[in-house]
Amino acid sequence: MSARRSTGAPRPAAIPLKIMRGRPDPAGFTDHPARWARPHVRTLVVASGKGGVGKSNLCANLAVALGQRGARVLLLDADLSQANLDLLLGVHPRYDLQHVLNGERTLEEIVVPGPLGVRLIPAAADVPELAELDDYRRESLLRGLGTLEGGADLVIMDTASGVTRDVLALCLAADDVLVMTTPEMPAFADAYGLIKVLCAQGIRRAPHLLVSQATSAEEAAETADRIRLVARRFLHLELESWGTVPEDPAIPRAVRRQEPVVSAFPQSPAAAAYRALAERLWPTQPPEPETEETPADRSLTGHRQRLGA
């Protein structure tokens, strides 16, 4: 990848990312993505060791639930070759990250407005060559997000499943990592494997844990407790549970409607779970308690009304 040659002037902070083909040119290093700032807003990466645990549904619904609470969310579909957040949100992007990584569009040009102020950076679907980026393009993408953070309170990234270089790089750069699993043993084992690798890579903060597709609160709690116990014993890591998303037929019904379940079926158990997670991430100030009017206050109010009559 060759960077555009510098004109000698400092790079404006708001210049959008545009990746060019070839290898980096040392003469243009002042324009190299490594000189750009990474995002300064809080970044949450959602990951899993195994596919099919509900990551994309969680990211789409969490973003909308946060929007309902007044947060401005920038949502990145970082599953670069198997994207589906656009389908879950019911939006129809004309361009996606493939156009950015090919140097045809900038990040600003591909952002799609979604429900309740959510902004989506869509990825490509069925493009195997984008399954894993080289270091330069990965860092370019990550730092390019800094050009879009001005209108966001929170950045959420939906990653591919498994332990890949892209997933690890995004997790290590995030403020918070949420690892999802189901009660099934393969998902349980793969989630622990991902946490183990992140620990070995020197993650700054212990990942959080969320159990999905549980048939009961007891099953979800048992699954979370087992992973936390194993991580505590063998990794000396304290994992915090961020709750559960229950097995709910409303989720596939909402997917078929191409609408988030929090808006399609707001009274469903899954919608309540997504809203609870949004409240954890974006608590709002409670309203000021109303003070009860005393007899003296009522007397003074009546006196003022008589004077004004």
C-alpha atoms as a PDB file:
ATOM      1  CA  MET A   1       0.000   0.000   0.000  1.00  0.00           C
ATOM      2  CA  SER A   2       1.479   3.369  -0.958  1.00  0.00           C
ATOM      3  CA  ALA A   3       0.426   6.431   0.960  1.00  0.00           C
ATOM      4  CA  ARG A   4      -0.204   9.678  -0.861  1.00  0.00           C
ATOM      5  CA  ARG A   5       2.821  11.988  -0.863  1.00  0.00           C
ATOM      6  CA  SER A   6       2.858  14.708   1.762  1.00  0.00           C
ATOM      7  CA  THR A   7       2.628  18.327   0.687  1.00  0.00           C
ATOM      8  CA  GLY A   8       4.542  19.364   3.801  1.00  0.00           C
ATOM      9  CA  ALA A   9       1.452  20.696   5.583  1.00  0.00           C
ATOM     10  CA  PRO A  10       0.152  18.860   8.659  1.00  0.00           C
ATOM     11  CA  ARG A  11      -2.717  16.479   8.028  1.00  0.00           C
ATOM     12  CA  PRO A  12      -6.117  17.887   9.105  1.00  0.00           C
ATOM     13  CA  ALA A  13      -7.819  15.720  11.707  1.00  0.00           C
ATOM     14  CA  ALA A  14     -11.034  15.446   9.690  1.00  0.00           C
ATOM     15  CA  ILE A  15      -9.455  14.087   6.478  1.00  0.00           C
ATOM     16  CA  PRO A  16     -11.316  10.840   5.658  1.00  0.00           C
ATOM     17  CA  LEU A  17      -9.528   7.548   5.161  1.00  0.00           C
ATOM     18  CA  LYS A  18      -8.660   6.585   1.619  1.00  0.00           C
ATOM     19  CA  ILE A  19      -6.468   3.498   1.236  1.00  0.00           C
ATOM     20  CA  MET A  20      -4.381   3.171  -1.916  1.00  0.00           C
ATOM     21  CA  ARG A  21      -2.929   0.079  -3.524  1.00  0.00           C
ATOM     22  CA  GLY A  22       0.735  -0.950  -3.306  1.00  0.00           C
ATOM     23  CA  ARG A  23       3.339  -0.721  -0.542  1.00  0.00           C
ATOM     24  CA  PRO A  24       3.868   2.250   1.805  1.00  0.00           C
ATOM     25  CA  ASP A  25       6.120   4.953   0.391  1.00  0.00           C
ATOM     26  CA  PRO A  26       8.635   6.260   2.999  1.00  0.00           C
ATOM     27  CA  ALA A  27       8.649   9.641   1.262  1.00  0.00           C
ATOM     28  CA  GLY A  28       4.983  10.038   2.199  1.00  0.00           C
ATOM     29  CA  PHE A  29       5.258   8.860   5.799  1.00  0.00           C
ATOM     30  CA  THR A  30       3.699  12.033   7.182  1.00  0.00           C
ATOM     31  CA  ASP A  31       0.488  10.824   5.522  1.00  0.00           C
ATOM     32  CA  HIS A  32       0.888   7.281   6.870  1.00  0.00           C
ATOM     33  CA  PRO A  33      -2.065   5.975   8.922  1.00  0.00           C
ATOM     34  CA  ALA A  34       0.278   5.301  11.829  1.00  0.00           C
ATOM     35  CA  ARG A  35       0.468   9.085  12.261  1.00  0.00           C
ATOM     36  CA  TRP A  36      -3.305   9.402  12.525  1.00  0.00           C
ATOM     37  CA  ALA A  37      -5.112   9.280  15.847  1.00  0.00           C
ATOM     38  CA  ARG A  38      -7.123   6.235  16.867  1.00  0.00           C
ATOM     39  CA  PRO A  39     -10.715   6.801  18.015  1.00  0.00           C
ATOM     40  CA  HIS A  40     -11.016   8.627  21.331  1.00  0.00           C
ATOM     41  CA  VAL A  41     -14.627   7.693  22.072  1.00  0.00           C
ATOM     42  CA  ARG A  42     -15.434   4.524  23.995  1.00  0.00           C
ATOM     43  CA  THR A  43     -15.110   1.460  21.770  1.00  0.00           C
ATOM     44  CA  LEU A  44     -16.840  -1.875  22.396  1.00  0.00           C
ATOM     45  CA  VAL A  45     -15.826  -4.968  20.416  1.00  0.00           C
ATOM     46  CA  VAL A  46     -18.206  -7.934  20.409  1.00  0.00           C
ATOM     47  CA  ALA A  47     -16.478 -11.250  19.744  1.00  0.00           C
ATOM     48  CA  SER A  48     -17.033 -14.983  20.063  1.00  0.00           C
ATOM     49  CA  GLY A  49     -15.029 -18.141  19.676  1.00  0.00           C
ATOM     50  CA  LYS A  50     -17.773 -19.830  17.673  1.00  0.00           C
ATOM     51  CA  GLY A  51     -20.289 -18.673  15.103  1.00  0.00           C
ATOM     52  CA  GLY A  52     -24.034 -18.705  15.566  1.00  0.00           C
ATOM     53  CA  VAL A  53     -24.114 -17.249  19.072  1.00  0.00           C
ATOM     54  CA  GLY A  54     -25.984 -14.059  18.123  1.00  0.00           C
ATOM     55  CA  LYS A  55     -23.220 -11.448  17.877  1.00  0.00           C
ATOM     56  CA  SER A  56     -24.668  -9.528  14.963  1.00  0.00           C
ATOM     57  CA  ASN A  57     -28.152  -9.500  16.462  1.00  0.00           C
ATOM     58  CA  LEU A  58     -26.727  -8.194  19.706  1.00  0.00           C
ATOM     59  CA  CYS A  59     -24.719  -5.446  17.975  1.00  0.00           C
ATOM     60  CA  ALA A  60     -27.662  -4.258  15.879  1.00  0.00           C
ATOM     61  CA  ASN A  61     -30.161  -4.318  18.729  1.00  0.00           C
ATOM     62  CA  LEU A  62     -27.750  -2.858  21.279  1.00  0.00           C
ATOM     63  CA  ALA A  63     -26.995   0.044  18.935  1.00  0.00           C
ATOM     64  CA  VAL A  64     -30.699   0.792  18.469  1.00  0.00           C
ATOM     65  CA  ALA A  65     -31.427   0.377  22.189  1.00  0.00           C
ATOM     66  CA  LEU A  66     -28.631   2.848  22.935  1.00  0.00           C
ATOM     67  CA  GLY A  67     -30.146   5.206  20.368  1.00  0.00           C
ATOM     68  CA  GLN A  68     -33.441   4.975  22.254  1.00  0.00           C
ATOM     69  CA  ARG A  69     -31.548   6.204  25.320  1.00  0.00           C
ATOM     70  CA  GLY A  70     -30.133   9.184  23.429  1.00  0.00           C
ATOM     71  CA  ALA A  71     -26.657   7.842  22.666  1.00  0.00           C
ATOM     72  CA  ARG A  72     -25.079   8.471  19.271  1.00  0.00           C
ATOM     73  CA  VAL A  73     -23.717   5.139  18.052  1.00  0.00           C
ATOM     74  CA  LEU A  74     -21.263   4.382  15.257  1.00  0.00           C
ATOM     75  CA  LEU A  75     -21.634   0.705  14.308  1.00  0.00           C
ATOM     76  CA  LEU A  76     -18.839  -1.030  12.397  1.00  0.00           C
ATOM     77  CA  ASP A  77     -19.468  -4.341  10.671  1.00  0.00           C
ATOM     78  CA  ALA A  78     -15.979  -5.794  11.140  1.00  0.00           C
ATOM     79  CA  ASP A  79     -16.954  -9.226   9.844  1.00  0.00           C
ATOM     80  CA  LEU A  80     -15.347  -8.101   6.628  1.00  0.00           C
ATOM     81  CA  SER A  81     -16.320 -10.988   4.358  1.00  0.00           C
ATOM     82  CA  GLN A  82     -19.648 -12.163   5.851  1.00  0.00           C
ATOM     83  CA  ALA A  83     -21.474  -8.936   6.654  1.00  0.00           C
ATOM     84  CA  ASN A  84     -25.139  -8.837   7.655  1.00  0.00           C
ATOM     85  CA  LEU A  85     -25.687  -5.817   9.923  1.00  0.00           C
ATOM     86  CA  ASP A  86     -27.257  -3.929   7.027  1.00  0.00           C
ATOM     87  CA  LEU A  87     -29.878  -6.673   6.692  1.00  0.00           C
ATOM     88  CA  LEU A  88     -30.618  -6.719  10.409  1.00  0.00           C
ATOM     89  CA  LEU A  89     -31.097  -2.932  10.440  1.00  0.00           C
ATOM     90  CA  GLY A  90     -33.113  -2.843   7.233  1.00  0.00           C
ATOM     91  CA  VAL A  91     -30.754  -0.466   5.408  1.00  0.00           C
ATOM     92  CA  HIS A  92     -29.427  -0.752   1.876  1.00  0.00           C
ATOM     93  CA  PRO A  93     -25.859   0.535   1.478  1.00  0.00           C
ATOM     94  CA  ARG A  94     -24.579   1.365  -1.966  1.00  0.00           C
ATOM     95  CA  TYR A  95     -20.933   1.089  -0.952  1.00  0.00           C
ATOM     96  CA  ASP A  96     -19.117  -0.879   1.756  1.00  0.00           C
ATOM     97  CA  LEU A  97     -15.673  -1.455   3.245  1.00  0.00           C
ATOM     98  CA  GLN A  98     -14.528  -3.325   0.168  1.00  0.00           C
ATOM     99  CA  HIS A  99     -14.711  -0.035  -1.752  1.00  0.00           C
ATOM    100  CA  VAL A 100     -12.708   1.703   0.988  1.00  0.00           C
ATOM    101  CA  LEU A 101     -10.029  -0.974   1.149  1.00  0.00           C
ATOM    102  CA  ASN A 102      -9.751  -0.875  -2.650  1.00  0.00           C
ATOM    103  CA  GLY A 103      -9.229   2.901  -2.518  1.00  0.00           C
ATOM    104  CA  GLU A 104     -12.475   3.658  -4.366  1.00  0.00           C
ATOM    105  CA  ARG A 105     -14.354   5.385  -1.525  1.00  0.00           C
ATOM    106  CA  THR A 106     -13.660   6.981   1.850  1.00  0.00           C
ATOM    107  CA  LEU A 107     -15.157   5.896   5.146  1.00  0.00           C
ATOM    108  CA  GLU A 108     -17.290   9.035   5.221  1.00  0.00           C
ATOM    109  CA  GLU A 109     -18.742   8.161   1.825  1.00  0.00           C
ATOM    110  CA  ILE A 110     -19.932   4.685   2.816  1.00  0.00           C
ATOM    111  CA  VAL A 111     -21.570   5.506   6.175  1.00  0.00           C
ATOM    112  CA  VAL A 112     -25.273   4.648   6.119  1.00  0.00           C
ATOM    113  CA  PRO A 113     -27.832   6.241   8.478  1.00  0.00           C
ATOM    114  CA  GLY A 114     -29.836   3.686  10.419  1.00  0.00           C
ATOM    115  CA  PRO A 115     -32.678   3.712  12.944  1.00  0.00           C
ATOM    116  CA  LEU A 116     -32.622   6.176  15.854  1.00  0.00           C
ATOM    117  CA  GLY A 117     -29.467   7.951  14.738  1.00  0.00           C
ATOM    118  CA  VAL A 118     -27.322   4.816  14.478  1.00  0.00           C
ATOM    119  CA  ARG A 119     -24.656   5.185  11.790  1.00  0.00           C
ATOM    120  CA  LEU A 120     -23.467   1.993  10.098  1.00  0.00           C
ATOM    121  CA  ILE A 121     -20.145   1.320   8.393  1.00  0.00           C
ATOM    122  CA  PRO A 122     -21.159  -1.690   6.265  1.00  0.00           C
ATOM    123  CA  ALA A 123     -18.829  -4.506   5.243  1.00  0.00           C
ATOM    124  CA  ALA A 124     -18.887  -6.699   2.162  1.00  0.00           C
ATOM    125  CA  ALA A 125     -20.654 -10.045   1.934  1.00  0.00           C
ATOM    126  CA  ASP A 126     -19.181 -13.189   0.369  1.00  0.00           C
ATOM    127  CA  VAL A 127     -15.737 -11.673  -0.290  1.00  0.00           C
ATOM    128  CA  PRO A 128     -13.255 -14.277   1.018  1.00  0.00           C
ATOM    129  CA  GLU A 129     -10.181 -12.170   0.198  1.00  0.00           C
ATOM    130  CA  LEU A 130     -11.260  -9.678   2.854  1.00  0.00           C
ATOM    131  CA  ALA A 131     -11.455 -12.340   5.561  1.00  0.00           C
ATOM    132  CA  GLU A 132      -8.076 -11.215   6.908  1.00  0.00           C
ATOM    133  CA  LEU A 133      -6.346  -7.885   6.307  1.00  0.00           C
ATOM    134  CA  ASP A 134      -2.656  -7.153   6.248  1.00  0.00           C
ATOM    135  CA  ASP A 135      -1.270  -5.044   9.092  1.00  0.00           C
ATOM    136  CA  TYR A 136      -1.240  -1.826   7.086  1.00  0.00           C
ATOM    137  CA  ARG A 137      -4.859  -1.976   5.931  1.00  0.00           C
ATOM    138  CA  ARG A 138      -6.049  -3.095   9.353  1.00  0.00           C
ATOM    139  CA  GLU A 139      -4.336  -0.165  11.063  1.00  0.00           C
ATOM    140  CA  SER A 140      -5.581   2.191   8.353  1.00  0.00           C
ATOM    141  CA  LEU A 141      -9.143   1.086   8.988  1.00  0.00           C
ATOM    142  CA  LEU A 142      -8.829   1.330  12.758  1.00  0.00           C
ATOM    143  CA  ARG A 143      -7.295   4.787  12.732  1.00  0.00           C
ATOM    144  CA  GLY A 144      -9.615   5.953   9.989  1.00  0.00           C
ATOM    145  CA  LEU A 145     -12.477   5.567  12.457  1.00  0.00           C
ATOM    146  CA  GLY A 146     -11.012   8.554  14.268  1.00  0.00           C
ATOM    147  CA  THR A 147     -12.206  10.753  11.406  1.00  0.00           C
ATOM    148  CA  LEU A 148     -15.825   9.763  12.101  1.00  0.00           C
ATOM    149  CA  GLU A 149     -15.920   9.873  15.884  1.00  0.00           C
ATOM    150  CA  GLY A 150     -16.982  13.513  16.127  1.00  0.00           C
ATOM    151  CA  GLY A 151     -20.659  12.597  15.947  1.00  0.00           C
ATOM    152  CA  ALA A 152     -20.497   9.470  18.108  1.00  0.00           C
ATOM    153  CA  ASP A 153     -20.685   8.734  21.819  1.00  0.00           C
ATOM    154  CA  LEU A 154     -19.874   5.048  21.392  1.00  0.00           C
ATOM    155  CA  VAL A 155     -18.338   2.833  18.702  1.00  0.00           C
ATOM    156  CA  ILE A 156     -19.534  -0.793  18.514  1.00  0.00           C
ATOM    157  CA  MET A 157     -17.679  -3.338  16.366  1.00  0.00           C
ATOM    158  CA  ASP A 158     -19.155  -6.659  15.283  1.00  0.00           C
ATOM    159  CA  THR A 159     -16.262  -9.018  14.544  1.00  0.00           C
ATOM    160  CA  ALA A 160     -15.954 -12.311  12.749  1.00  0.00           C
ATOM    161  CA  SER A 161     -16.154 -15.487  14.802  1.00  0.00           C
ATOM    162  CA  GLY A 162     -13.049 -17.279  15.967  1.00  0.00           C
ATOM    163  CA  VAL A 163      -9.489 -16.280  16.774  1.00  0.00           C
ATOM    164  CA  THR A 164      -8.063 -14.430  13.771  1.00  0.00           C
ATOM    165  CA  ARG A 165      -5.472 -11.667  13.543  1.00  0.00           C
ATOM    166  CA  ASP A 166      -8.175  -9.143  12.710  1.00  0.00           C
ATOM    167  CA  VAL A 167     -10.320 -10.149  15.684  1.00  0.00           C
ATOM    168  CA  LEU A 168      -7.358 -10.063  18.077  1.00  0.00           C
ATOM    169  CA  ALA A 169      -6.168  -6.684  16.791  1.00  0.00           C
ATOM    170  CA  LEU A 170      -9.618  -5.119  17.222  1.00  0.00           C
ATOM    171  CA  CYS A 171     -10.050  -6.628  20.686  1.00  0.00           C
ATOM    172  CA  LEU A 172      -6.649  -5.404  21.858  1.00  0.00           C
ATOM    173  CA  ALA A 173      -7.406  -1.880  20.599  1.00  0.00           C
ATOM    174  CA  ALA A 174     -10.856  -1.660  22.234  1.00  0.00           C
ATOM    175  CA  ASP A 175     -11.841  -0.106  25.538  1.00  0.00           C
ATOM    176  CA  ASP A 176     -14.191  -3.023  26.262  1.00  0.00           C
ATOM    177  CA  VAL A 177     -14.443  -6.529  24.823  1.00  0.00           C
ATOM    178  CA  LEU A 178     -17.644  -8.523  25.166  1.00  0.00           C
ATOM    179  CA  VAL A 179     -17.226 -12.263  24.564  1.00  0.00           C
ATOM    180  CA  MET A 180     -20.446 -14.093  23.746  1.00  0.00           C
ATOM    181  CA  THR A 181     -21.196 -17.767  24.207  1.00  0.00           C
ATOM    182  CA  THR A 182     -24.140 -20.123  24.455  1.00  0.00           C
ATOM    183  CA  PRO A 183     -24.599 -22.883  27.042  1.00  0.00           C
ATOM    184  CA  GLU A 184     -23.470 -25.483  24.475  1.00  0.00           C
ATOM    185  CA  MET A 185     -20.078 -27.024  25.248  1.00  0.00           C
ATOM    186  CA  PRO A 186     -18.436 -26.203  21.848  1.00  0.00           C
ATOM    187  CA  ALA A 187     -19.341 -22.519  22.198  1.00  0.00           C
ATOM    188  CA  PHE A 188     -18.285 -22.579  25.837  1.00  0.00           C
ATOM    189  CA  ALA A 189     -14.888 -24.087  24.990  1.00  0.00           C
ATOM    190  CA  ASP A 190     -14.266 -21.732  22.066  1.00  0.00           C
ATOM    191  CA  ALA A 191     -15.202 -18.684  24.163  1.00  0.00           C
ATOM    192  CA  TYR A 192     -12.698 -19.714  26.817  1.00  0.00           C
ATOM    193  CA  GLY A 193     -10.091 -20.302  24.091  1.00  0.00           C
ATOM    194  CA  LEU A 194     -10.595 -16.755  22.781  1.00  0.00           C
ATOM    195  CA  ILE A 195     -10.303 -15.304  26.294  1.00  0.00           C
ATOM    196  CA  LYS A 196      -7.119 -17.339  26.861  1.00  0.00           C
ATOM    197  CA  VAL A 197      -5.500 -16.003  23.684  1.00  0.00           C
ATOM    198  CA  LEU A 198      -6.487 -12.417  24.512  1.00  0.00           C
ATOM    199  CA  CYS A 199      -4.959 -12.852  27.964  1.00  0.00           C
ATOM    200  CA  ALA A 200      -1.728 -14.176  26.432  1.00  0.00           C
ATOM    201  CA  GLN A 201      -1.683 -11.224  24.005  1.00  0.00           C
ATOM    202  CA  GLY A 202      -1.770  -8.789  26.942  1.00  0.00           C
ATOM    203  CA  ILE A 203      -5.290  -7.389  26.762  1.00  0.00           C
ATOM    204  CA  ARG A 204      -5.461  -4.230  28.879  1.00  0.00           C
ATOM    205  CA  ARG A 205      -8.740  -5.022  30.586  1.00  0.00           C
ATOM    206  CA  ALA A 206     -10.441  -8.336  31.325  1.00  0.00           C
ATOM    207  CA  PRO A 207     -13.159  -9.173  28.765  1.00  0.00           C
ATOM    208  CA  HIS A 208     -16.799  -9.159  29.751  1.00  0.00           C
ATOM    209  CA  LEU A 209     -19.048 -12.146  29.271  1.00  0.00           C
ATOM    210  CA  LEU A 210     -22.576 -12.543  27.912  1.00  0.00           C
ATOM    211  CA  VAL A 211     -24.522 -15.797  27.550  1.00  0.00           C
ATOM    212  CA  SER A 212     -27.089 -16.021  24.756  1.00  0.00           C
ATOM    213  CA  GLN A 213     -29.712 -18.564  23.732  1.00  0.00           C
ATOM    214  CA  ALA A 214     -30.175 -19.815  27.282  1.00  0.00           C
ATOM    215  CA  THR A 215     -33.488 -21.488  28.049  1.00  0.00           C
ATOM    216  CA  SER A 216     -33.557 -20.106  31.593  1.00  0.00           C
ATOM    217  CA  ALA A 217     -31.823 -17.592  33.802  1.00  0.00           C
ATOM    218  CA  GLU A 218     -30.406 -20.490  35.829  1.00  0.00           C
ATOM    219  CA  GLU A 219     -28.820 -22.075  32.750  1.00  0.00           C
ATOM    220  CA  ALA A 220     -27.281 -18.729  31.741  1.00  0.00           C
ATOM    221  CA  ALA A 221     -25.914 -18.113  35.249  1.00  0.00           C
ATOM    222  CA  GLU A 222     -24.450 -21.614  35.432  1.00  0.00           C
ATOM    223  CA  THR A 223     -22.701 -21.173  32.080  1.00  0.00           C
ATOM    224  CA  ALA A 224     -21.262 -17.790  33.044  1.00  0.00           C
ATOM    225  CA  ASP A 225     -20.116 -19.083  36.438  1.00  0.00           C
ATOM    226  CA  ARG A 226     -18.283 -22.025  34.872  1.00  0.00           C
ATOM    227  CA  ILE A 227     -16.332 -19.810  32.467  1.00  0.00           C
ATOM    228  CA  ARG A 228     -15.546 -17.311  35.215  1.00  0.00           C
ATOM    229  CA  LEU A 229     -14.331 -20.099  37.507  1.00  0.00           C
ATOM    230  CA  VAL A 230     -12.053 -21.599  34.846  1.00  0.00           C
ATOM    231  CA  ALA A 231     -10.665 -18.166  33.910  1.00  0.00           C
ATOM    232  CA  ARG A 232     -10.034 -17.337  37.555  1.00  0.00           C
ATOM    233  CA  ARG A 233      -8.274 -20.639  38.213  1.00  0.00           C
ATOM    234  CA  PHE A 234      -6.107 -20.967  35.114  1.00  0.00           C
ATOM    235  CA  LEU A 235      -5.761 -17.399  33.793  1.00  0.00           C
ATOM    236  CA  HIS A 236      -5.974 -15.482  37.084  1.00  0.00           C
ATOM    237  CA  LEU A 237      -8.547 -13.325  35.352  1.00  0.00           C
ATOM    238  CA  GLU A 238     -11.745 -11.942  36.827  1.00  0.00           C
ATOM    239  CA  LEU A 239     -14.493 -11.853  34.213  1.00  0.00           C
ATOM    240  CA  GLU A 240     -17.563  -9.695  34.695  1.00  0.00           C
ATOM    241  CA  SER A 241     -20.886 -11.040  33.458  1.00  0.00           C
ATOM    242  CA  TRP A 242     -22.898  -8.543  31.421  1.00  0.00           C
ATOM    243  CA  GLY A 243     -26.077 -10.570  31.520  1.00  0.00           C
ATOM    244  CA  THR A 244     -27.860 -12.861  29.111  1.00  0.00           C
ATOM    245  CA  VAL A 245     -30.042 -12.817  26.014  1.00  0.00           C
ATOM    246  CA  PRO A 246     -32.618 -15.611  26.311  1.00  0.00           C
ATOM    247  CA  GLU A 247     -33.764 -17.973  23.601  1.00  0.00           C
ATOM    248  CA  ASP A 248     -36.638 -16.035  22.052  1.00  0.00           C
ATOM    249  CA  PRO A 249     -38.683 -16.764  18.892  1.00  0.00           C
ATOM    250  CA  ALA A 250     -39.092 -13.005  18.455  1.00  0.00           C
ATOM    251  CA  ILE A 251     -35.457 -12.768  17.282  1.00  0.00           C
ATOM    252  CA  PRO A 252     -35.804 -14.846  14.076  1.00  0.00           C
ATOM    253  CA  ARG A 253     -39.179 -13.193  13.429  1.00  0.00           C
ATOM    254  CA  ALA A 254     -37.517  -9.769  13.581  1.00  0.00           C
ATOM    255  CA  VAL A 255     -34.671 -10.969  11.339  1.00  0.00           C
ATOM    256  CA  ARG A 256     -37.181 -12.020   8.688  1.00  0.00           C
ATOM    257  CA  ARG A 257     -38.700  -8.543   8.896  1.00  0.00           C
ATOM    258  CA  GLN A 258     -35.207  -6.986   8.619  1.00  0.00           C
ATOM    259  CA  GLU A 259     -35.907  -4.969  11.729  1.00  0.00           C
ATOM    260  CA  PRO A 260     -34.249  -4.934  15.180  1.00  0.00           C
ATOM    261  CA  VAL A 261     -36.261  -6.902  17.731  1.00  0.00           C
ATOM    262  CA  VAL A 262     -36.169  -3.934  20.147  1.00  0.00           C
ATOM    263  CA  SER A 263     -38.378  -2.008  17.729  1.00  0.00           C
ATOM    264  CA  ALA A 264     -40.240  -4.879  16.024  1.00  0.00           C
ATOM    265  CA  PHE A 265     -41.196  -6.668  19.263  1.00  0.00           C
ATOM    266  CA  PRO A 266     -40.363  -4.279  22.108  1.00  0.00           C
ATOM    267  CA  GLN A 267     -42.200  -6.367  24.734  1.00  0.00           C
ATOM    268  CA  SER A 268     -40.275  -9.557  23.978  1.00  0.00           C
ATOM    269  CA  PRO A 269     -37.798 -11.044  26.496  1.00  0.00           C
ATOM    270  CA  ALA A 270     -34.915 -10.541  24.058  1.00  0.00           C
ATOM    271  CA  ALA A 271     -35.745  -6.851  23.594  1.00  0.00           C
ATOM    272  CA  ALA A 272     -35.783  -6.404  27.363  1.00  0.00           C
ATOM    273  CA  ALA A 273     -32.354  -8.061  27.585  1.00  0.00           C
ATOM    274  CA  TYR A 274     -30.884  -5.779  24.912  1.00  0.00           C
ATOM    275  CA  ARG A 275     -32.329  -2.718  26.662  1.00  0.00           C
ATOM    276  CA  ALA A 276     -30.837  -3.866  29.985  1.00  0.00           C
ATOM    277  CA  LEU A 277     -27.403  -4.091  28.382  1.00  0.00           C
ATOM    278  CA  ALA A 278     -27.877  -0.639  26.831  1.00  0.00           C
ATOM    279  CA  GLU A 279     -28.730   0.742  30.266  1.00  0.00           C
ATOM    280  CA  ARG A 280     -25.522  -0.753  31.659  1.00  0.00           C
ATOM    281  CA  LEU A 281     -23.475   0.929  28.945  1.00  0.00           C
ATOM    282  CA  TRP A 282     -25.366   4.232  28.833  1.00  0.00           C
ATOM    283  CA  PRO A 283     -27.096   5.018  32.147  1.00  0.00           C
ATOM    284  CA  THR A 284     -29.227   8.142  32.169  1.00  0.00           C
ATOM    285  CA  GLN A 285     -29.666  10.592  34.977  1.00  0.00           C
ATOM    286  CA  PRO A 286     -32.747   9.782  37.094  1.00  0.00           C
ATOM    287  CA  PRO A 287     -35.390  12.526  37.158  1.00  0.00           C
ATOM    288  CA  GLU A 288     -35.401  14.899  40.076  1.00  0.00           C
ATOM    289  CA  PRO A 289     -37.776  13.599  42.777  1.00  0.00           C
ATOM    290  CA  GLU A 290     -40.932  15.647  43.116  1.00  0.00           C
ATOM    291  CA  THR A 291     -41.346  17.272  46.525  1.00  0.00           C
ATOM    292  CA  GLU A 292     -44.730  17.023  48.175  1.00  0.00           C
ATOM    293  CA  GLU A 293     -46.513  20.362  48.514  1.00  0.00           C
ATOM    294  CA  THR A 294     -46.981  21.372  52.163  1.00  0.00           C
ATOM    295  CA  PRO A 295     -50.072  23.169  53.557  1.00  0.00           C
ATOM    296  CA  ALA A 296     -47.996  26.341  53.864  1.00  0.00           C
ATOM    297  CA  ASP A 297     -47.059  26.106  50.156  1.00  0.00           C
ATOM    298  CA  ARG A 298     -50.729  25.669  49.192  1.00  0.00           C
ATOM    299  CA  SER A 299     -51.719  28.663  51.329  1.00  0.00           C
ATOM    300  CA  LEU A 300     -49.038  30.824  49.697  1.00  0.00           C
ATOM    301  CA  THR A 301     -50.088  29.708  46.206  1.00  0.00           C
ATOM    302  CA  GLY A 302     -53.755  30.568  46.938  1.00  0.00           C
ATOM    303  CA  HIS A 303     -52.749  33.979  48.297  1.00  0.00           C
ATOM    304  CA  ARG A 304     -50.765  34.765  45.138  1.00  0.00           C
ATOM    305  CA  GLN A 305     -53.678  33.684  42.946  1.00  0.00           C
ATOM    306  CA  ARG A 306     -56.068  36.030  44.836  1.00  0.00           C
ATOM    307  CA  LEU A 307     -53.651  38.915  44.425  1.00  0.00           C
ATOM    308  CA  GLY A 308     -53.358  38.267  40.723  1.00  0.00           C
ATOM    309  CA  ALA A 309     -57.125  37.976  40.186  1.00  0.00           C
END
